[in-house]
Amino acid sequence: MFLAFALAIAAPQSCEVPAAERTRQLNLGYAAFDSAPAPYGWREVNGRGCTDEAVALLRAYRAANMRRLTAEQALESAFHIGQAYAFADRGAEALQSFRDADATPRPRSGARLSLPMLLSSATTAPRSPGPARVMPRPRTRTRCASASSKAC
């Protein structure tokens, strides 16, 4: 517990990702890169308000690894660029990035994330500090079948 606290206090406040760390991340598999921990994972960097650096890391990863990414990973990583901009309230850049993601070649399964779907999921996230994550759209409440039901 103390170690976690000490590491949190020692976490960098700078936006800069050291060159050695950047190189290390560019050599990770996609799942490891996408979930890279603090202090230099793209989500953590973006959560500190360092959007340009997070986007630069995402773009560098895509450029270095595009040949080995699956279609799903290519689509998801393109979406994350728009997501980073959206969380920073940089709408024009987010919209362009979502359009770029929408133009990404599709997975063989035929799965397609449309631009409205990308925008919808990006705008449902809370506007609070911390790692950027898309939150599911809240479900609407339906009326109970019976007013006497205990589930109501």
C-alpha atoms as a PDB file:
ATOM      1  CA  MET A   1       0.000   0.000   0.000  1.00  0.00           C
ATOM      2  CA  PHE A   2       2.765   2.414   0.922  1.00  0.00           C
ATOM      3  CA  LEU A   3       4.613   1.598  -2.311  1.00  0.00           C
ATOM      4  CA  ALA A   4       1.522   2.428  -4.396  1.00  0.00           C
ATOM      5  CA  PHE A   5       1.140   5.721  -2.542  1.00  0.00           C
ATOM      6  CA  ALA A   6       4.815   6.575  -3.000  1.00  0.00           C
ATOM      7  CA  LEU A   7       4.616   5.797  -6.713  1.00  0.00           C
ATOM      8  CA  ALA A   8       1.520   7.956  -7.074  1.00  0.00           C
ATOM      9  CA  ILE A   9       3.289  10.870  -5.440  1.00  0.00           C
ATOM     10  CA  ALA A  10       6.379  10.319  -7.596  1.00  0.00           C
ATOM     11  CA  ALA A  11       4.349  10.110 -10.828  1.00  0.00           C
ATOM     12  CA  PRO A  12       5.545  12.674 -13.321  1.00  0.00           C
ATOM     13  CA  GLN A  13       3.506  15.810 -13.806  1.00  0.00           C
ATOM     14  CA  SER A  14       5.291  16.499 -17.090  1.00  0.00           C
ATOM     15  CA  CYS A  15       3.734  15.562 -20.390  1.00  0.00           C
ATOM     16  CA  GLU A  16       6.972  14.285 -21.852  1.00  0.00           C
ATOM     17  CA  VAL A  17       7.295  10.550 -22.475  1.00  0.00           C
ATOM     18  CA  PRO A  18      11.007   9.647 -22.220  1.00  0.00           C
ATOM     19  CA  ALA A  19      12.528   8.346 -25.460  1.00  0.00           C
ATOM     20  CA  ALA A  20      13.448   4.980 -23.916  1.00  0.00           C
ATOM     21  CA  GLU A  21       9.869   4.492 -22.673  1.00  0.00           C
ATOM     22  CA  ARG A  22       8.433   5.508 -26.019  1.00  0.00           C
ATOM     23  CA  THR A  23      10.663   2.999 -27.804  1.00  0.00           C
ATOM     24  CA  ARG A  24       9.700   0.297 -25.310  1.00  0.00           C
ATOM     25  CA  GLN A  25       5.987   0.943 -25.869  1.00  0.00           C
ATOM     26  CA  LEU A  26       6.324   0.946 -29.650  1.00  0.00           C
ATOM     27  CA  ASN A  27       7.658  -2.614 -29.386  1.00  0.00           C
ATOM     28  CA  LEU A  28       4.765  -3.926 -27.284  1.00  0.00           C
ATOM     29  CA  GLY A  29       1.917  -6.014 -28.619  1.00  0.00           C
ATOM     30  CA  TYR A  30      -1.308  -4.070 -29.097  1.00  0.00           C
ATOM     31  CA  ALA A  31      -3.086  -5.209 -25.921  1.00  0.00           C
ATOM     32  CA  ALA A  32      -0.054  -4.360 -23.798  1.00  0.00           C
ATOM     33  CA  PHE A  33       0.353  -0.988 -25.486  1.00  0.00           C
ATOM     34  CA  ASP A  34      -3.336  -0.132 -25.171  1.00  0.00           C
ATOM     35  CA  SER A  35      -3.335  -0.896 -21.455  1.00  0.00           C
ATOM     36  CA  ALA A  36       0.156   0.373 -20.626  1.00  0.00           C
ATOM     37  CA  PRO A  37       0.162   1.492 -16.991  1.00  0.00           C
ATOM     38  CA  ALA A  38       1.062   4.775 -15.376  1.00  0.00           C
ATOM     39  CA  PRO A  39       2.932   6.907 -15.688  1.00  0.00           C
ATOM     40  CA  TYR A  40       3.464   6.739 -19.461  1.00  0.00           C
ATOM     41  CA  GLY A  41       0.631   4.718 -20.991  1.00  0.00           C
ATOM     42  CA  TRP A  42      -1.300   6.788 -23.535  1.00  0.00           C
ATOM     43  CA  ARG A  43      -4.435   6.739 -21.378  1.00  0.00           C
ATOM     44  CA  GLU A  44      -2.522   7.972 -18.330  1.00  0.00           C
ATOM     45  CA  VAL A  45      -0.734  10.672 -20.331  1.00  0.00           C
ATOM     46  CA  ASN A  46      -4.056  11.822 -21.766  1.00  0.00           C
ATOM     47  CA  GLY A  47      -5.633  11.725 -18.305  1.00  0.00           C
ATOM     48  CA  ARG A  48      -3.032  14.246 -17.127  1.00  0.00           C
ATOM     49  CA  GLY A  49      -4.256  16.649 -19.815  1.00  0.00           C
ATOM     50  CA  CYS A  50      -1.380  15.899 -22.168  1.00  0.00           C
ATOM     51  CA  THR A  51      -3.520  15.249 -25.237  1.00  0.00           C
ATOM     52  CA  ASP A  52      -0.913  16.098 -27.865  1.00  0.00           C
ATOM     53  CA  GLU A  53       1.589  13.725 -26.306  1.00  0.00           C
ATOM     54  CA  ALA A  54      -0.992  10.938 -25.973  1.00  0.00           C
ATOM     55  CA  VAL A  55      -2.005  11.367 -29.618  1.00  0.00           C
ATOM     56  CA  ALA A  56       1.636  11.442 -30.700  1.00  0.00           C
ATOM     57  CA  LEU A  57       2.209   8.161 -28.866  1.00  0.00           C
ATOM     58  CA  LEU A  58      -0.869   6.571 -30.468  1.00  0.00           C
ATOM     59  CA  ARG A  59       0.125   7.757 -33.950  1.00  0.00           C
ATOM     60  CA  ALA A  60       3.715   6.589 -33.501  1.00  0.00           C
ATOM     61  CA  TYR A  61       2.474   3.174 -32.380  1.00  0.00           C
ATOM     62  CA  ARG A  62       0.145   2.896 -35.381  1.00  0.00           C
ATOM     63  CA  ALA A  63       2.913   3.936 -37.785  1.00  0.00           C
ATOM     64  CA  ALA A  64       5.411   1.480 -36.303  1.00  0.00           C
ATOM     65  CA  ASN A  65       2.986  -1.446 -36.058  1.00  0.00           C
ATOM     66  CA  MET A  66       0.322  -1.061 -38.754  1.00  0.00           C
ATOM     67  CA  ARG A  67       1.481  -4.155 -40.627  1.00  0.00           C
ATOM     68  CA  ARG A  68       1.025  -6.402 -37.619  1.00  0.00           C
ATOM     69  CA  LEU A  69      -2.212  -4.908 -36.263  1.00  0.00           C
ATOM     70  CA  THR A  70      -5.410  -6.819 -36.905  1.00  0.00           C
ATOM     71  CA  ALA A  71      -8.177  -4.895 -38.627  1.00  0.00           C
ATOM     72  CA  GLU A  72      -9.962  -4.573 -35.281  1.00  0.00           C
ATOM     73  CA  GLN A  73      -6.836  -3.186 -33.614  1.00  0.00           C
ATOM     74  CA  ALA A  74      -6.235  -0.731 -36.457  1.00  0.00           C
ATOM     75  CA  LEU A  75      -9.811   0.511 -36.161  1.00  0.00           C
ATOM     76  CA  GLU A  76      -9.676   0.740 -32.378  1.00  0.00           C
ATOM     77  CA  SER A  77      -6.349   2.559 -32.310  1.00  0.00           C
ATOM     78  CA  ALA A  78      -7.618   5.070 -34.883  1.00  0.00           C
ATOM     79  CA  PHE A  79     -10.716   5.595 -32.737  1.00  0.00           C
ATOM     80  CA  HIS A  80      -8.568   6.210 -29.644  1.00  0.00           C
ATOM     81  CA  ILE A  81      -6.967   9.228 -31.335  1.00  0.00           C
ATOM     82  CA  GLY A  82     -10.378  10.824 -31.746  1.00  0.00           C
ATOM     83  CA  GLN A  83     -11.302   9.754 -28.242  1.00  0.00           C
ATOM     84  CA  ALA A  84      -8.264  11.543 -26.797  1.00  0.00           C
ATOM     85  CA  TYR A  85      -9.229  14.750 -28.594  1.00  0.00           C
ATOM     86  CA  ALA A  86     -12.887  14.408 -27.563  1.00  0.00           C
ATOM     87  CA  PHE A  87     -11.991  14.114 -23.878  1.00  0.00           C
ATOM     88  CA  ALA A  88      -9.947  17.302 -24.233  1.00  0.00           C
ATOM     89  CA  ASP A  89     -12.956  19.154 -25.721  1.00  0.00           C
ATOM     90  CA  ARG A  90     -11.116  19.518 -29.026  1.00  0.00           C
ATOM     91  CA  GLY A  91     -14.167  18.823 -31.151  1.00  0.00           C
ATOM     92  CA  ALA A  92     -12.857  19.661 -34.627  1.00  0.00           C
ATOM     93  CA  GLU A  93      -9.796  17.441 -34.192  1.00  0.00           C
ATOM     94  CA  ALA A  94     -11.922  14.705 -32.637  1.00  0.00           C
ATOM     95  CA  LEU A  95     -14.392  14.803 -35.501  1.00  0.00           C
ATOM     96  CA  GLN A  96     -11.637  14.577 -38.111  1.00  0.00           C
ATOM     97  CA  SER A  97     -10.011  11.712 -36.224  1.00  0.00           C
ATOM     98  CA  PHE A  98     -13.337   9.874 -35.984  1.00  0.00           C
ATOM     99  CA  ARG A  99     -13.793  10.358 -39.737  1.00  0.00           C
ATOM    100  CA  ASP A 100     -10.325   8.891 -40.263  1.00  0.00           C
ATOM    101  CA  ALA A 101     -11.247   5.967 -38.003  1.00  0.00           C
ATOM    102  CA  ASP A 102     -14.475   5.489 -39.947  1.00  0.00           C
ATOM    103  CA  ALA A 103     -12.399   5.208 -43.134  1.00  0.00           C
ATOM    104  CA  THR A 104     -10.127   2.535 -41.617  1.00  0.00           C
ATOM    105  CA  PRO A 105     -10.396  -0.821 -43.420  1.00  0.00           C
ATOM    106  CA  ARG A 106     -12.955  -3.044 -41.766  1.00  0.00           C
ATOM    107  CA  PRO A 107     -12.424  -6.334 -39.988  1.00  0.00           C
ATOM    108  CA  ARG A 108     -13.225  -9.439 -41.997  1.00  0.00           C
ATOM    109  CA  SER A 109     -16.154 -10.072 -39.689  1.00  0.00           C
ATOM    110  CA  GLY A 110     -17.874  -7.120 -41.297  1.00  0.00           C
ATOM    111  CA  ALA A 111     -17.991  -5.221 -38.016  1.00  0.00           C
ATOM    112  CA  ARG A 112     -18.294  -1.536 -38.670  1.00  0.00           C
ATOM    113  CA  LEU A 113     -18.180   1.370 -36.330  1.00  0.00           C
ATOM    114  CA  SER A 114     -20.050   4.181 -38.011  1.00  0.00           C
ATOM    115  CA  LEU A 115     -19.194   7.807 -37.423  1.00  0.00           C
ATOM    116  CA  PRO A 116     -22.421   8.413 -35.441  1.00  0.00           C
ATOM    117  CA  MET A 117     -21.600   5.388 -33.257  1.00  0.00           C
ATOM    118  CA  LEU A 118     -18.077   6.676 -32.644  1.00  0.00           C
ATOM    119  CA  LEU A 119     -19.346  10.121 -31.731  1.00  0.00           C
ATOM    120  CA  SER A 120     -22.103   8.752 -29.530  1.00  0.00           C
ATOM    121  CA  SER A 121     -19.779   6.568 -27.494  1.00  0.00           C
ATOM    122  CA  ALA A 122     -17.155   9.297 -27.165  1.00  0.00           C
ATOM    123  CA  THR A 123     -19.598  11.862 -25.852  1.00  0.00           C
ATOM    124  CA  THR A 124     -21.057   9.645 -23.139  1.00  0.00           C
ATOM    125  CA  ALA A 125     -17.863   9.622 -21.096  1.00  0.00           C
ATOM    126  CA  PRO A 126     -17.612  11.733 -17.970  1.00  0.00           C
ATOM    127  CA  ARG A 127     -15.640  14.970 -18.150  1.00  0.00           C
ATOM    128  CA  SER A 128     -13.407  14.319 -15.193  1.00  0.00           C
ATOM    129  CA  PRO A 129      -9.679  13.955 -14.659  1.00  0.00           C
ATOM    130  CA  GLY A 130      -8.218  10.512 -14.912  1.00  0.00           C
ATOM    131  CA  PRO A 131      -7.624   7.969 -17.603  1.00  0.00           C
ATOM    132  CA  ALA A 132      -9.779   8.435 -20.665  1.00  0.00           C
ATOM    133  CA  ARG A 133     -12.264   5.620 -21.039  1.00  0.00           C
ATOM    134  CA  VAL A 134     -15.461   5.445 -22.991  1.00  0.00           C
ATOM    135  CA  MET A 135     -18.347   4.795 -20.684  1.00  0.00           C
ATOM    136  CA  PRO A 136     -21.377   2.831 -21.838  1.00  0.00           C
ATOM    137  CA  ARG A 137     -24.480   4.829 -22.629  1.00  0.00           C
ATOM    138  CA  PRO A 138     -26.812   4.881 -19.603  1.00  0.00           C
ATOM    139  CA  ARG A 139     -29.859   2.680 -19.960  1.00  0.00           C
ATOM    140  CA  THR A 140     -33.247   4.295 -19.839  1.00  0.00           C
ATOM    141  CA  ARG A 141     -35.520   3.107 -17.100  1.00  0.00           C
ATOM    142  CA  THR A 142     -38.677   1.329 -18.113  1.00  0.00           C
ATOM    143  CA  ARG A 143     -41.928   1.320 -16.224  1.00  0.00           C
ATOM    144  CA  CYS A 144     -42.643  -1.658 -14.045  1.00  0.00           C
ATOM    145  CA  ALA A 145     -45.222  -4.148 -15.238  1.00  0.00           C
ATOM    146  CA  SER A 146     -46.905  -3.989 -11.868  1.00  0.00           C
ATOM    147  CA  ALA A 147     -46.875  -1.226  -9.293  1.00  0.00           C
ATOM    148  CA  SER A 148     -46.810  -3.853  -6.563  1.00  0.00           C
ATOM    149  CA  SER A 149     -43.660  -5.476  -7.930  1.00  0.00           C
ATOM    150  CA  LYS A 150     -40.752  -5.421  -5.472  1.00  0.00           C
ATOM    151  CA  ALA A 151     -38.358  -4.893  -8.390  1.00  0.00           C
ATOM    152  CA  CYS A 152     -39.763  -1.387  -9.041  1.00  0.00           C
END
